[in-house]
Amino acid sequence: MKLSVIERLTLLGILPEQGNLMTIKIVSKLREELSFDEAEHAALQFRPSEDGKQIQWNMPHPDKDIEIGLKATSIVYELLRKMNDAEELREQHLSLCEKFGYPENE
Protein backbone atom coordinates (compact mmCIF):
# COMPACT_ATOMS: atom_id res chain seq x y z
CA MET A 1 0.00 0.00 0.00
CA LYS A 2 1.40 3.40 -0.97
CA LEU A 3 1.35 5.85 1.94
CA SER A 4 2.33 9.51 2.01
CA VAL A 5 4.47 11.11 4.70
CA ILE A 6 1.41 12.48 6.52
CA GLU A 7 -0.38 9.12 6.30
CA ARG A 8 2.66 7.35 7.74
CA LEU A 9 2.97 9.87 10.59
CA THR A 10 -0.76 9.72 11.29
CA LEU A 11 -0.79 5.93 11.32
CA LEU A 12 2.27 5.81 13.59
CA GLY A 13 0.39 8.11 15.96
CA ILE A 14 -2.69 5.90 16.31
CA LEU A 15 -1.16 2.42 16.51
CA PRO A 16 -1.82 0.76 19.87
CA GLU A 17 0.94 0.64 22.47
CA GLN A 18 -0.49 -2.40 24.22
CA GLY A 19 -2.46 -5.51 23.42
CA ASN A 20 -1.96 -9.23 23.24
CA LEU A 21 1.35 -10.76 22.15
CA MET A 22 0.29 -11.32 18.53
CA THR A 23 -1.03 -7.77 18.15
CA ILE A 24 2.09 -6.21 19.64
CA LYS A 25 4.36 -8.24 17.34
CA ILE A 26 2.37 -7.21 14.27
CA VAL A 27 2.18 -3.56 15.36
CA SER A 28 5.92 -3.52 16.10
CA LYS A 29 6.69 -4.76 12.58
CA LEU A 30 4.25 -2.24 11.09
CA ARG A 31 5.86 0.62 13.06
CA GLU A 32 9.23 -0.41 11.65
CA GLU A 33 7.84 -0.39 8.09
CA LEU A 34 6.19 3.01 8.59
CA SER A 35 9.27 4.62 10.14
CA PHE A 36 11.63 6.84 8.19
CA ASP A 37 15.15 5.70 7.32
CA GLU A 38 18.27 7.87 7.36
CA ALA A 39 17.95 8.87 3.70
CA GLU A 40 14.33 9.93 4.19
CA HIS A 41 15.24 11.96 7.28
CA ALA A 42 17.97 13.73 5.32
CA ALA A 43 15.62 14.47 2.40
CA LEU A 44 12.61 15.48 4.48
CA GLN A 45 14.45 17.51 7.13
CA PHE A 46 11.74 17.11 9.78
CA ARG A 47 11.38 20.13 12.05
CA PRO A 48 8.79 21.53 14.48
CA SER A 49 6.38 24.20 13.29
CA GLU A 50 6.73 27.71 14.69
CA ASP A 51 4.11 27.00 17.36
CA GLY A 52 5.80 23.68 18.17
CA LYS A 53 2.54 21.74 17.83
CA GLN A 54 3.14 20.13 14.45
CA ILE A 55 5.90 18.64 12.35
CA GLN A 56 6.97 20.17 9.06
CA TRP A 57 9.11 18.68 6.31
CA ASN A 58 10.39 19.35 2.82
CA MET A 59 7.90 18.54 0.11
CA PRO A 60 7.19 16.90 -2.20
CA HIS A 61 8.28 13.44 -1.16
CA PRO A 62 7.27 10.24 -2.94
CA ASP A 63 4.83 7.88 -1.28
CA LYS A 64 6.36 4.74 0.18
CA ASP A 65 5.04 1.32 -0.76
CA ILE A 66 4.54 -0.52 2.52
CA GLU A 67 3.56 -4.16 2.78
CA ILE A 68 0.67 -4.44 5.21
CA GLY A 69 -0.67 -7.91 5.92
CA LEU A 70 -4.26 -8.96 6.57
CA LYS A 71 -3.95 -8.93 10.37
CA ALA A 72 -2.25 -5.52 10.41
CA THR A 73 -4.97 -4.22 8.08
CA SER A 74 -7.59 -5.61 10.46
CA ILE A 75 -5.92 -3.92 13.44
CA VAL A 76 -5.86 -0.53 11.69
CA TYR A 77 -9.45 -0.96 10.48
CA GLU A 78 -10.57 -1.68 14.05
CA LEU A 79 -8.68 1.38 15.33
CA LEU A 80 -10.41 3.60 12.79
CA ARG A 81 -13.80 2.08 13.68
CA LYS A 82 -13.25 2.76 17.39
CA MET A 83 -12.11 6.31 16.64
CA ASN A 84 -15.22 6.84 14.53
CA ASP A 85 -17.50 5.47 17.26
CA ALA A 86 -15.86 7.82 19.78
CA GLU A 87 -16.10 10.70 17.28
CA GLU A 88 -12.32 11.13 17.39
CA LEU A 89 -11.62 11.02 13.64
CA ARG A 90 -10.05 14.10 12.10
CA GLU A 91 -9.61 15.22 8.52
CA GLN A 92 -6.09 13.76 8.47
CA HIS A 93 -7.65 10.30 8.99
CA LEU A 94 -9.85 10.43 5.85
CA SER A 95 -7.29 9.03 3.42
CA LEU A 96 -6.43 6.23 5.86
CA CYS A 97 -10.12 5.36 6.16
CA GLU A 98 -10.33 5.14 2.37
CA LYS A 99 -7.16 3.07 2.01
CA PHE A 100 -8.11 0.65 4.78
CA GLY A 101 -11.69 0.27 3.53
CA TYR A 102 -13.52 1.91 6.42
CA PRO A 103 -16.53 1.95 6.62
CA GLU A 104 -17.30 0.01 3.43
CA ASN A 105 -16.19 -3.31 4.96
CA GLU A 106 -18.80 -3.16 7.73
PDB file of N, CA and C in Angstrom:
ATOM      1  N   MET A   1       0.847  -1.168   0.000  1.00  0.00           N
ATOM      2  CA  MET A   1       0.000   0.000   0.000  1.00  0.00           C
ATOM      3  C   MET A   1       0.895   1.234   0.000  1.00  0.00           C
ATOM      4  N   LYS A   2       0.631   2.155  -0.904  1.00  0.00           N
ATOM      5  CA  LYS A   2       1.402   3.398  -0.965  1.00  0.00           C
ATOM      6  C   LYS A   2       0.840   4.388   0.056  1.00  0.00           C
ATOM      7  N   LEU A   3       1.746   4.893   0.908  1.00  0.00           N
ATOM      8  CA  LEU A   3       1.352   5.848   1.937  1.00  0.00           C
ATOM      9  C   LEU A   3       2.228   7.089   1.858  1.00  0.00           C
ATOM     10  N   SER A   4       1.605   8.241   2.008  1.00  0.00           N
ATOM     11  CA  SER A   4       2.326   9.514   2.007  1.00  0.00           C
ATOM     12  C   SER A   4       2.996   9.737   3.365  1.00  0.00           C
ATOM     13  N   VAL A   5       3.803  10.769   3.448  1.00  0.00           N
ATOM     14  CA  VAL A   5       4.469  11.108   4.702  1.00  0.00           C
ATOM     15  C   VAL A   5       3.432  11.357   5.788  1.00  0.00           C
ATOM     16  N   ILE A   6       2.417  12.163   5.496  1.00  0.00           N
ATOM     17  CA  ILE A   6       1.406  12.484   6.519  1.00  0.00           C
ATOM     18  C   ILE A   6       0.624  11.240   6.915  1.00  0.00           C
ATOM     19  N   GLU A   7       0.338  10.355   5.966  1.00  0.00           N
ATOM     20  CA  GLU A   7      -0.375   9.116   6.304  1.00  0.00           C
ATOM     21  C   GLU A   7       0.486   8.227   7.200  1.00  0.00           C
ATOM     22  N   ARG A   8       1.759   8.156   6.907  1.00  0.00           N
ATOM     23  CA  ARG A   8       2.663   7.354   7.739  1.00  0.00           C
ATOM     24  C   ARG A   8       2.748   7.919   9.158  1.00  0.00           C
ATOM     25  N   LEU A   9       2.908   9.238   9.268  1.00  0.00           N
ATOM     26  CA  LEU A   9       2.974   9.866  10.585  1.00  0.00           C
ATOM     27  C   LEU A   9       1.657   9.690  11.348  1.00  0.00           C
ATOM     28  N   THR A  10       0.547   9.862  10.652  1.00  0.00           N
ATOM     29  CA  THR A  10      -0.762   9.721  11.286  1.00  0.00           C
ATOM     30  C   THR A  10      -0.961   8.296  11.781  1.00  0.00           C
ATOM     31  N   LEU A  11      -0.632   7.332  10.942  1.00  0.00           N
ATOM     32  CA  LEU A  11      -0.794   5.932  11.322  1.00  0.00           C
ATOM     33  C   LEU A  11       0.130   5.572  12.485  1.00  0.00           C
ATOM     34  N   LEU A  12       1.363   6.046  12.461  1.00  0.00           N
ATOM     35  CA  LEU A  12       2.266   5.812  13.588  1.00  0.00           C
ATOM     36  C   LEU A  12       1.682   6.367  14.886  1.00  0.00           C
ATOM     37  N   GLY A  13       0.963   7.472  14.786  1.00  0.00           N
ATOM     38  CA  GLY A  13       0.392   8.112  15.964  1.00  0.00           C
ATOM     39  C   GLY A  13      -0.818   7.423  16.554  1.00  0.00           C
ATOM     40  N   ILE A  14      -1.485   6.554  15.789  1.00  0.00           N
ATOM     41  CA  ILE A  14      -2.694   5.904  16.313  1.00  0.00           C
ATOM     42  C   ILE A  14      -2.503   4.422  16.621  1.00  0.00           C
ATOM     43  N   LEU A  15      -1.373   3.851  16.244  1.00  0.00           N
ATOM     44  CA  LEU A  15      -1.163   2.424  16.510  1.00  0.00           C
ATOM     45  C   LEU A  15      -1.152   2.167  18.017  1.00  0.00           C
ATOM     46  N   PRO A  16      -1.732   1.044  18.437  1.00  0.00           N
ATOM     47  CA  PRO A  16      -1.815   0.759  19.873  1.00  0.00           C
ATOM     48  C   PRO A  16      -0.447   0.489  20.486  1.00  0.00           C
ATOM     49  N   GLU A  17      -0.309   0.870  21.744  1.00  0.00           N
ATOM     50  CA  GLU A  17       0.936   0.638  22.472  1.00  0.00           C
ATOM     51  C   GLU A  17       0.856  -0.623  23.324  1.00  0.00           C
ATOM     52  N   GLN A  18      -0.328  -1.179  23.437  1.00  0.00           N
ATOM     53  CA  GLN A  18      -0.490  -2.400  24.216  1.00  0.00           C
ATOM     54  C   GLN A  18      -1.525  -3.291  23.569  1.00  0.00           C
ATOM     55  N   GLY A  19      -1.533  -4.534  23.971  1.00  0.00           N
ATOM     56  CA  GLY A  19      -2.460  -5.514  23.425  1.00  0.00           C
ATOM     57  C   GLY A  19      -1.932  -6.904  23.717  1.00  0.00           C
ATOM     58  N   ASN A  20      -2.466  -7.887  23.027  1.00  0.00           N
ATOM     59  CA  ASN A  20      -1.957  -9.234  23.237  1.00  0.00           C
ATOM     60  C   ASN A  20      -0.643  -9.411  22.469  1.00  0.00           C
ATOM     61  N   LEU A  21       0.032 -10.529  22.717  1.00  0.00           N
ATOM     62  CA  LEU A  21       1.352 -10.764  22.149  1.00  0.00           C
ATOM     63  C   LEU A  21       1.338 -10.695  20.624  1.00  0.00           C
ATOM     64  N   MET A  22       0.352 -11.319  19.990  1.00  0.00           N
ATOM     65  CA  MET A  22       0.286 -11.323  18.533  1.00  0.00           C
ATOM     66  C   MET A  22       0.112  -9.897  17.993  1.00  0.00           C
ATOM     67  N   THR A  23      -0.778  -9.141  18.599  1.00  0.00           N
ATOM     68  CA  THR A  23      -1.030  -7.766  18.154  1.00  0.00           C
ATOM     69  C   THR A  23       0.226  -6.913  18.287  1.00  0.00           C
ATOM     70  N   ILE A  24       0.903  -7.025  19.418  1.00  0.00           N
ATOM     71  CA  ILE A  24       2.094  -6.212  19.644  1.00  0.00           C
ATOM     72  C   ILE A  24       3.201  -6.567  18.655  1.00  0.00           C
ATOM     73  N   LYS A  25       3.354  -7.841  18.331  1.00  0.00           N
ATOM     74  CA  LYS A  25       4.361  -8.239  17.343  1.00  0.00           C
ATOM     75  C   LYS A  25       4.038  -7.658  15.974  1.00  0.00           C
ATOM     76  N   ILE A  26       2.781  -7.730  15.577  1.00  0.00           N
ATOM     77  CA  ILE A  26       2.368  -7.207  14.273  1.00  0.00           C
ATOM     78  C   ILE A  26       2.513  -5.689  14.240  1.00  0.00           C
ATOM     79  N   VAL A  27       2.084  -5.022  15.294  1.00  0.00           N
ATOM     80  CA  VAL A  27       2.176  -3.558  15.360  1.00  0.00           C
ATOM     81  C   VAL A  27       3.642  -3.118  15.369  1.00  0.00           C
ATOM     82  N   SER A  28       4.490  -3.850  16.064  1.00  0.00           N
ATOM     83  CA  SER A  28       5.915  -3.522  16.097  1.00  0.00           C
ATOM     84  C   SER A  28       6.524  -3.584  14.700  1.00  0.00           C
ATOM     85  N   LYS A  29       6.191  -4.622  13.956  1.00  0.00           N
ATOM     86  CA  LYS A  29       6.693  -4.760  12.582  1.00  0.00           C
ATOM     87  C   LYS A  29       6.136  -3.640  11.696  1.00  0.00           C
ATOM     88  N   LEU A  30       4.861  -3.309  11.879  1.00  0.00           N
ATOM     89  CA  LEU A  30       4.251  -2.238  11.094  1.00  0.00           C
ATOM     90  C   LEU A  30       4.904  -0.899  11.412  1.00  0.00           C
ATOM     91  N   ARG A  31       5.176  -0.635  12.679  1.00  0.00           N
ATOM     92  CA  ARG A  31       5.863   0.616  13.062  1.00  0.00           C
ATOM     93  C   ARG A  31       7.217   0.721  12.354  1.00  0.00           C
ATOM     94  N   GLU A  32       7.924  -0.391  12.309  1.00  0.00           N
ATOM     95  CA  GLU A  32       9.230  -0.410  11.648  1.00  0.00           C
ATOM     96  C   GLU A  32       9.087  -0.075  10.164  1.00  0.00           C
ATOM     97  N   GLU A  33       8.076  -0.648   9.510  1.00  0.00           N
ATOM     98  CA  GLU A  33       7.841  -0.388   8.087  1.00  0.00           C
ATOM     99  C   GLU A  33       7.456   1.067   7.842  1.00  0.00           C
ATOM    100  N   LEU A  34       6.676   1.641   8.746  1.00  0.00           N
ATOM    101  CA  LEU A  34       6.191   3.013   8.590  1.00  0.00           C
ATOM    102  C   LEU A  34       7.247   4.058   8.915  1.00  0.00           C
ATOM    103  N   SER A  35       8.234   3.677   9.699  1.00  0.00           N
ATOM    104  CA  SER A  35       9.268   4.617  10.142  1.00  0.00           C
ATOM    105  C   SER A  35      10.098   5.124   8.964  1.00  0.00           C
ATOM    106  N   PHE A  36      10.839   6.175   9.214  1.00  0.00           N
ATOM    107  CA  PHE A  36      11.635   6.843   8.190  1.00  0.00           C
ATOM    108  C   PHE A  36      13.101   6.475   8.353  1.00  0.00           C
ATOM    109  N   ASP A  37      13.734   6.063   7.251  1.00  0.00           N
ATOM    110  CA  ASP A  37      15.148   5.697   7.316  1.00  0.00           C
ATOM    111  C   ASP A  37      16.019   6.952   7.244  1.00  0.00           C
ATOM    112  N   GLU A  38      17.321   6.749   7.347  1.00  0.00           N
ATOM    113  CA  GLU A  38      18.271   7.873   7.362  1.00  0.00           C
ATOM    114  C   GLU A  38      18.157   8.749   6.111  1.00  0.00           C
ATOM    115  N   ALA A  39      18.039   8.115   4.953  1.00  0.00           N
ATOM    116  CA  ALA A  39      17.949   8.873   3.698  1.00  0.00           C
ATOM    117  C   ALA A  39      16.678   9.723   3.671  1.00  0.00           C
ATOM    118  N   GLU A  40      15.574   9.159   4.155  1.00  0.00           N
ATOM    119  CA  GLU A  40      14.327   9.931   4.189  1.00  0.00           C
ATOM    120  C   GLU A  40      14.443  11.101   5.159  1.00  0.00           C
ATOM    121  N   HIS A  41      15.045  10.865   6.315  1.00  0.00           N
ATOM    122  CA  HIS A  41      15.238  11.961   7.276  1.00  0.00           C
ATOM    123  C   HIS A  41      16.067  13.085   6.659  1.00  0.00           C
ATOM    124  N   ALA A  42      17.119  12.726   5.952  1.00  0.00           N
ATOM    125  CA  ALA A  42      17.966  13.732   5.319  1.00  0.00           C
ATOM    126  C   ALA A  42      17.194  14.514   4.254  1.00  0.00           C
ATOM    127  N   ALA A  43      16.382  13.817   3.469  1.00  0.00           N
ATOM    128  CA  ALA A  43      15.624  14.471   2.399  1.00  0.00           C
ATOM    129  C   ALA A  43      14.477  15.313   2.947  1.00  0.00           C
ATOM    130  N   LEU A  44      13.796  14.797   3.948  1.00  0.00           N
ATOM    131  CA  LEU A  44      12.610  15.477   4.477  1.00  0.00           C
ATOM    132  C   LEU A  44      12.949  16.619   5.431  1.00  0.00           C
ATOM    133  N   GLN A  45      14.039  16.501   6.145  1.00  0.00           N
ATOM    134  CA  GLN A  45      14.453  17.507   7.128  1.00  0.00           C
ATOM    135  C   GLN A  45      13.304  17.877   8.078  1.00  0.00           C
ATOM    136  N   PHE A  46      12.809  16.881   8.803  1.00  0.00           N
ATOM    137  CA  PHE A  46      11.736  17.112   9.776  1.00  0.00           C
ATOM    138  C   PHE A  46      12.129  18.209  10.754  1.00  0.00           C
ATOM    139  N   ARG A  47      11.155  19.052  11.092  1.00  0.00           N
ATOM    140  CA  ARG A  47      11.380  20.127  12.053  1.00  0.00           C
ATOM    141  C   ARG A  47      10.038  20.533  12.656  1.00  0.00           C
ATOM    142  N   PRO A  48      10.048  21.086  13.870  1.00  0.00           N
ATOM    143  CA  PRO A  48       8.790  21.528  14.477  1.00  0.00           C
ATOM    144  C   PRO A  48       8.280  22.802  13.806  1.00  0.00           C
ATOM    145  N   SER A  49       6.973  22.957  13.809  1.00  0.00           N
ATOM    146  CA  SER A  49       6.378  24.197  13.292  1.00  0.00           C
ATOM    147  C   SER A  49       6.713  25.336  14.254  1.00  0.00           C
ATOM    148  N   GLU A  50       6.414  26.549  13.847  1.00  0.00           N
ATOM    149  CA  GLU A  50       6.728  27.705  14.686  1.00  0.00           C
ATOM    150  C   GLU A  50       6.044  27.638  16.041  1.00  0.00           C
ATOM    151  N   ASP A  51       4.817  27.105  16.086  1.00  0.00           N
ATOM    152  CA  ASP A  51       4.114  26.997  17.364  1.00  0.00           C
ATOM    153  C   ASP A  51       4.515  25.743  18.139  1.00  0.00           C
ATOM    154  N   GLY A  52       5.316  24.881  17.517  1.00  0.00           N
ATOM    155  CA  GLY A  52       5.802  23.675  18.174  1.00  0.00           C
ATOM    156  C   GLY A  52       4.784  22.565  18.311  1.00  0.00           C
ATOM    157  N   LYS A  53       3.621  22.729  17.686  1.00  0.00           N
ATOM    158  CA  LYS A  53       2.545  21.744  17.834  1.00  0.00           C
ATOM    159  C   LYS A  53       2.469  20.751  16.684  1.00  0.00           C
ATOM    160  N   GLN A  54       3.189  21.003  15.619  1.00  0.00           N
ATOM    161  CA  GLN A  54       3.136  20.134  14.452  1.00  0.00           C
ATOM    162  C   GLN A  54       4.542  19.881  13.932  1.00  0.00           C
ATOM    163  N   ILE A  55       4.627  18.938  13.007  1.00  0.00           N
ATOM    164  CA  ILE A  55       5.898  18.636  12.350  1.00  0.00           C
ATOM    165  C   ILE A  55       5.816  19.121  10.917  1.00  0.00           C
ATOM    166  N   GLN A  56       6.878  19.744  10.452  1.00  0.00           N
ATOM    167  CA  GLN A  56       6.967  20.175   9.062  1.00  0.00           C
ATOM    168  C   GLN A  56       8.109  19.418   8.398  1.00  0.00           C
ATOM    169  N   TRP A  57       8.061  19.347   7.067  1.00  0.00           N
ATOM    170  CA  TRP A  57       9.108  18.678   6.309  1.00  0.00           C
ATOM    171  C   TRP A  57       9.147  19.243   4.907  1.00  0.00           C
ATOM    172  N   ASN A  58      10.246  18.941   4.219  1.00  0.00           N
ATOM    173  CA  ASN A  58      10.394  19.354   2.823  1.00  0.00           C
ATOM    174  C   ASN A  58       9.448  18.541   1.952  1.00  0.00           C
ATOM    175  N   MET A  59       8.815  19.214   1.032  1.00  0.00           N
ATOM    176  CA  MET A  59       7.900  18.541   0.114  1.00  0.00           C
ATOM    177  C   MET A  59       8.336  18.847  -1.299  1.00  0.00           C
ATOM    178  N   PRO A  60       7.943  18.145  -2.286  1.00  0.00           N
ATOM    179  CA  PRO A  60       7.188  16.902  -2.203  1.00  0.00           C
ATOM    180  C   PRO A  60       8.125  15.735  -1.906  1.00  0.00           C
ATOM    181  N   HIS A  61       7.543  14.664  -1.441  1.00  0.00           N
ATOM    182  CA  HIS A  61       8.284  13.438  -1.158  1.00  0.00           C
ATOM    183  C   HIS A  61       7.447  12.274  -1.673  1.00  0.00           C
ATOM    184  N   PRO A  62       8.059  11.342  -2.374  1.00  0.00           N
ATOM    185  CA  PRO A  62       7.270  10.240  -2.939  1.00  0.00           C
ATOM    186  C   PRO A  62       6.641   9.363  -1.855  1.00  0.00           C
ATOM    187  N   ASP A  63       5.481   8.822  -2.180  1.00  0.00           N
ATOM    188  CA  ASP A  63       4.829   7.879  -1.282  1.00  0.00           C
ATOM    189  C   ASP A  63       5.698   6.632  -1.162  1.00  0.00           C
ATOM    190  N   LYS A  64       5.593   5.969  -0.045  1.00  0.00           N
ATOM    191  CA  LYS A  64       6.361   4.743   0.180  1.00  0.00           C
ATOM    192  C   LYS A  64       5.413   3.556   0.095  1.00  0.00           C
ATOM    193  N   ASP A  65       5.824   2.540  -0.641  1.00  0.00           N
ATOM    194  CA  ASP A  65       5.036   1.318  -0.761  1.00  0.00           C
ATOM    195  C   ASP A  65       5.352   0.436   0.441  1.00  0.00           C
ATOM    196  N   ILE A  66       4.359   0.235   1.278  1.00  0.00           N
ATOM    197  CA  ILE A  66       4.540  -0.515   2.520  1.00  0.00           C
ATOM    198  C   ILE A  66       3.673  -1.767   2.470  1.00  0.00           C
ATOM    199  N   GLU A  67       4.295  -2.901   2.755  1.00  0.00           N
ATOM    200  CA  GLU A  67       3.563  -4.164   2.776  1.00  0.00           C
ATOM    201  C   GLU A  67       2.822  -4.272   4.106  1.00  0.00           C
ATOM    202  N   ILE A  68       1.500  -4.345   4.012  1.00  0.00           N
ATOM    203  CA  ILE A  68       0.665  -4.437   5.206  1.00  0.00           C
ATOM    204  C   ILE A  68      -0.191  -5.691   5.071  1.00  0.00           C
ATOM    205  N   GLY A  69       0.035  -6.639   5.963  1.00  0.00           N
ATOM    206  CA  GLY A  69      -0.667  -7.913   5.924  1.00  0.00           C
ATOM    207  C   GLY A  69      -2.126  -7.807   6.352  1.00  0.00           C
ATOM    208  N   LEU A  70      -2.830  -8.913   6.237  1.00  0.00           N
ATOM    209  CA  LEU A  70      -4.256  -8.955   6.569  1.00  0.00           C
ATOM    210  C   LEU A  70      -4.528  -8.631   8.030  1.00  0.00           C
ATOM    211  N   LYS A  71      -3.725  -9.184   8.936  1.00  0.00           N
ATOM    212  CA  LYS A  71      -3.950  -8.931  10.366  1.00  0.00           C
ATOM    213  C   LYS A  71      -3.647  -7.480  10.702  1.00  0.00           C
ATOM    214  N   ALA A  72      -2.569  -6.932  10.164  1.00  0.00           N
ATOM    215  CA  ALA A  72      -2.248  -5.521  10.408  1.00  0.00           C
ATOM    216  C   ALA A  72      -3.346  -4.622   9.851  1.00  0.00           C
ATOM    217  N   THR A  73      -3.863  -4.973   8.668  1.00  0.00           N
ATOM    218  CA  THR A  73      -4.970  -4.221   8.080  1.00  0.00           C
ATOM    219  C   THR A  73      -6.182  -4.269   8.994  1.00  0.00           C
ATOM    220  N   SER A  74      -6.463  -5.440   9.546  1.00  0.00           N
ATOM    221  CA  SER A  74      -7.593  -5.612  10.459  1.00  0.00           C
ATOM    222  C   SER A  74      -7.412  -4.769  11.726  1.00  0.00           C
ATOM    223  N   ILE A  75      -6.199  -4.720  12.246  1.00  0.00           N
ATOM    224  CA  ILE A  75      -5.919  -3.920  13.444  1.00  0.00           C
ATOM    225  C   ILE A  75      -6.173  -2.439  13.163  1.00  0.00           C
ATOM    226  N   VAL A  76      -5.671  -1.948  12.037  1.00  0.00           N
ATOM    227  CA  VAL A  76      -5.858  -0.533  11.690  1.00  0.00           C
ATOM    228  C   VAL A  76      -7.338  -0.240  11.448  1.00  0.00           C
ATOM    229  N   TYR A  77      -8.013  -1.130  10.747  1.00  0.00           N
ATOM    230  CA  TYR A  77      -9.446  -0.958  10.484  1.00  0.00           C
ATOM    231  C   TYR A  77     -10.208  -0.824  11.805  1.00  0.00           C
ATOM    232  N   GLU A  78      -9.895  -1.704  12.750  1.00  0.00           N
ATOM    233  CA  GLU A  78     -10.574  -1.680  14.053  1.00  0.00           C
ATOM    234  C   GLU A  78     -10.268  -0.387  14.807  1.00  0.00           C
ATOM    235  N   LEU A  79      -9.027   0.099  14.713  1.00  0.00           N
ATOM    236  CA  LEU A  79      -8.678   1.381  15.334  1.00  0.00           C
ATOM    237  C   LEU A  79      -9.513   2.520  14.758  1.00  0.00           C
ATOM    238  N   LEU A  80      -9.628   2.546  13.441  1.00  0.00           N
ATOM    239  CA  LEU A  80     -10.412   3.600  12.786  1.00  0.00           C
ATOM    240  C   LEU A  80     -11.892   3.496  13.163  1.00  0.00           C
ATOM    241  N   ARG A  81     -12.398   2.279  13.272  1.00  0.00           N
ATOM    242  CA  ARG A  81     -13.799   2.079  13.676  1.00  0.00           C
ATOM    243  C   ARG A  81     -14.027   2.616  15.088  1.00  0.00           C
ATOM    244  N   LYS A  82     -13.120   2.287  16.001  1.00  0.00           N
ATOM    245  CA  LYS A  82     -13.245   2.762  17.385  1.00  0.00           C
ATOM    246  C   LYS A  82     -13.146   4.278  17.455  1.00  0.00           C
ATOM    247  N   MET A  83     -12.230   4.860  16.668  1.00  0.00           N
ATOM    248  CA  MET A  83     -12.108   6.313  16.641  1.00  0.00           C
ATOM    249  C   MET A  83     -13.380   6.950  16.096  1.00  0.00           C
ATOM    250  N   ASN A  84     -13.971   6.329  15.092  1.00  0.00           N
ATOM    251  CA  ASN A  84     -15.224   6.839  14.533  1.00  0.00           C
ATOM    252  C   ASN A  84     -16.340   6.769  15.571  1.00  0.00           C
ATOM    253  N   ASP A  85     -16.460   5.637  16.249  1.00  0.00           N
ATOM    254  CA  ASP A  85     -17.500   5.470  17.262  1.00  0.00           C
ATOM    255  C   ASP A  85     -17.361   6.489  18.386  1.00  0.00           C
ATOM    256  N   ALA A  86     -16.120   6.843  18.723  1.00  0.00           N
ATOM    257  CA  ALA A  86     -15.857   7.817  19.777  1.00  0.00           C
ATOM    258  C   ALA A  86     -15.833   9.253  19.245  1.00  0.00           C
ATOM    259  N   GLU A  87     -16.122   9.406  17.951  1.00  0.00           N
ATOM    260  CA  GLU A  87     -16.102  10.704  17.283  1.00  0.00           C
ATOM    261  C   GLU A  87     -14.749  11.397  17.442  1.00  0.00           C
ATOM    262  N   GLU A  88     -13.678  10.623  17.257  1.00  0.00           N
ATOM    263  CA  GLU A  88     -12.316  11.134  17.386  1.00  0.00           C
ATOM    264  C   GLU A  88     -11.597  11.259  16.048  1.00  0.00           C
ATOM    265  N   LEU A  89     -12.263  10.908  14.953  1.00  0.00           N
ATOM    266  CA  LEU A  89     -11.623  11.016  13.639  1.00  0.00           C
ATOM    267  C   LEU A  89     -11.433  12.485  13.274  1.00  0.00           C
ATOM    268  N   ARG A  90     -10.339  12.754  12.589  1.00  0.00           N
ATOM    269  CA  ARG A  90     -10.045  14.100  12.100  1.00  0.00           C
ATOM    270  C   ARG A  90      -9.854  14.024  10.596  1.00  0.00           C
ATOM    271  N   GLU A  91      -9.776  15.167   9.972  1.00  0.00           N
ATOM    272  CA  GLU A  91      -9.614  15.220   8.523  1.00  0.00           C
ATOM    273  C   GLU A  91      -8.385  14.439   8.062  1.00  0.00           C
ATOM    274  N   GLN A  92      -7.319  14.467   8.847  1.00  0.00           N
ATOM    275  CA  GLN A  92      -6.091  13.758   8.470  1.00  0.00           C
ATOM    276  C   GLN A  92      -6.293  12.244   8.410  1.00  0.00           C
ATOM    277  N   HIS A  93      -7.370  11.735   8.996  1.00  0.00           N
ATOM    278  CA  HIS A  93      -7.649  10.299   8.987  1.00  0.00           C
ATOM    279  C   HIS A  93      -8.442   9.849   7.756  1.00  0.00           C
ATOM    280  N   LEU A  94      -8.980  10.789   6.981  1.00  0.00           N
ATOM    281  CA  LEU A  94      -9.845  10.429   5.853  1.00  0.00           C
ATOM    282  C   LEU A  94      -9.168   9.524   4.841  1.00  0.00           C
ATOM    283  N   SER A  95      -7.953   9.857   4.434  1.00  0.00           N
ATOM    284  CA  SER A  95      -7.289   9.034   3.424  1.00  0.00           C
ATOM    285  C   SER A  95      -6.964   7.649   3.972  1.00  0.00           C
ATOM    286  N   LEU A  96      -6.659   7.547   5.264  1.00  0.00           N
ATOM    287  CA  LEU A  96      -6.426   6.232   5.864  1.00  0.00           C
ATOM    288  C   LEU A  96      -7.718   5.410   5.876  1.00  0.00           C
ATOM    289  N   CYS A  97      -8.833   6.065   6.190  1.00  0.00           N
ATOM    290  CA  CYS A  97     -10.124   5.363   6.159  1.00  0.00           C
ATOM    291  C   CYS A  97     -10.376   4.801   4.764  1.00  0.00           C
ATOM    292  N   GLU A  98     -10.125   5.596   3.749  1.00  0.00           N
ATOM    293  CA  GLU A  98     -10.326   5.143   2.373  1.00  0.00           C
ATOM    294  C   GLU A  98      -9.397   3.988   2.024  1.00  0.00           C
ATOM    295  N   LYS A  99      -8.136   4.108   2.372  1.00  0.00           N
ATOM    296  CA  LYS A  99      -7.159   3.075   2.014  1.00  0.00           C
ATOM    297  C   LYS A  99      -7.383   1.763   2.767  1.00  0.00           C
ATOM    298  N   PHE A 100      -7.885   1.851   3.992  1.00  0.00           N
ATOM    299  CA  PHE A 100      -8.113   0.646   4.781  1.00  0.00           C
ATOM    300  C   PHE A 100      -9.561   0.158   4.699  1.00  0.00           C
ATOM    301  N   GLY A 101     -10.353   0.757   3.802  1.00  0.00           N
ATOM    302  CA  GLY A 101     -11.694   0.273   3.525  1.00  0.00           C
ATOM    303  C   GLY A 101     -12.747   0.566   4.568  1.00  0.00           C
ATOM    304  N   TYR A 102     -12.506   1.564   5.418  1.00  0.00           N
ATOM    305  CA  TYR A 102     -13.515   1.910   6.425  1.00  0.00           C
ATOM    306  C   TYR A 102     -14.380   3.038   5.894  1.00  0.00           C
ATOM    307  N   PRO A 103     -15.702   2.960   5.969  1.00  0.00           N
ATOM    308  CA  PRO A 103     -16.534   1.955   6.619  1.00  0.00           C
ATOM    309  C   PRO A 103     -17.116   0.921   5.675  1.00  0.00           C
ATOM    310  N   GLU A 104     -16.686   0.884   4.421  1.00  0.00           N
ATOM    311  CA  GLU A 104     -17.296   0.007   3.431  1.00  0.00           C
ATOM    312  C   GLU A 104     -17.287  -1.459   3.817  1.00  0.00           C
ATOM    313  N   ASN A 105     -16.297  -1.899   4.610  1.00  0.00           N
ATOM    314  CA  ASN A 105     -16.190  -3.307   4.964  1.00  0.00           C
ATOM    315  C   ASN A 105     -17.170  -3.750   6.033  1.00  0.00           C
ATOM    316  N   GLU A 106     -17.884  -2.801   6.641  1.00  0.00           N
ATOM    317  CA  GLU A 106     -18.798  -3.161   7.731  1.00  0.00           C
ATOM    318  C   GLU A 106     -20.054  -3.794   7.199  1.00  0.00           C
TER     319      GLU A 106
END
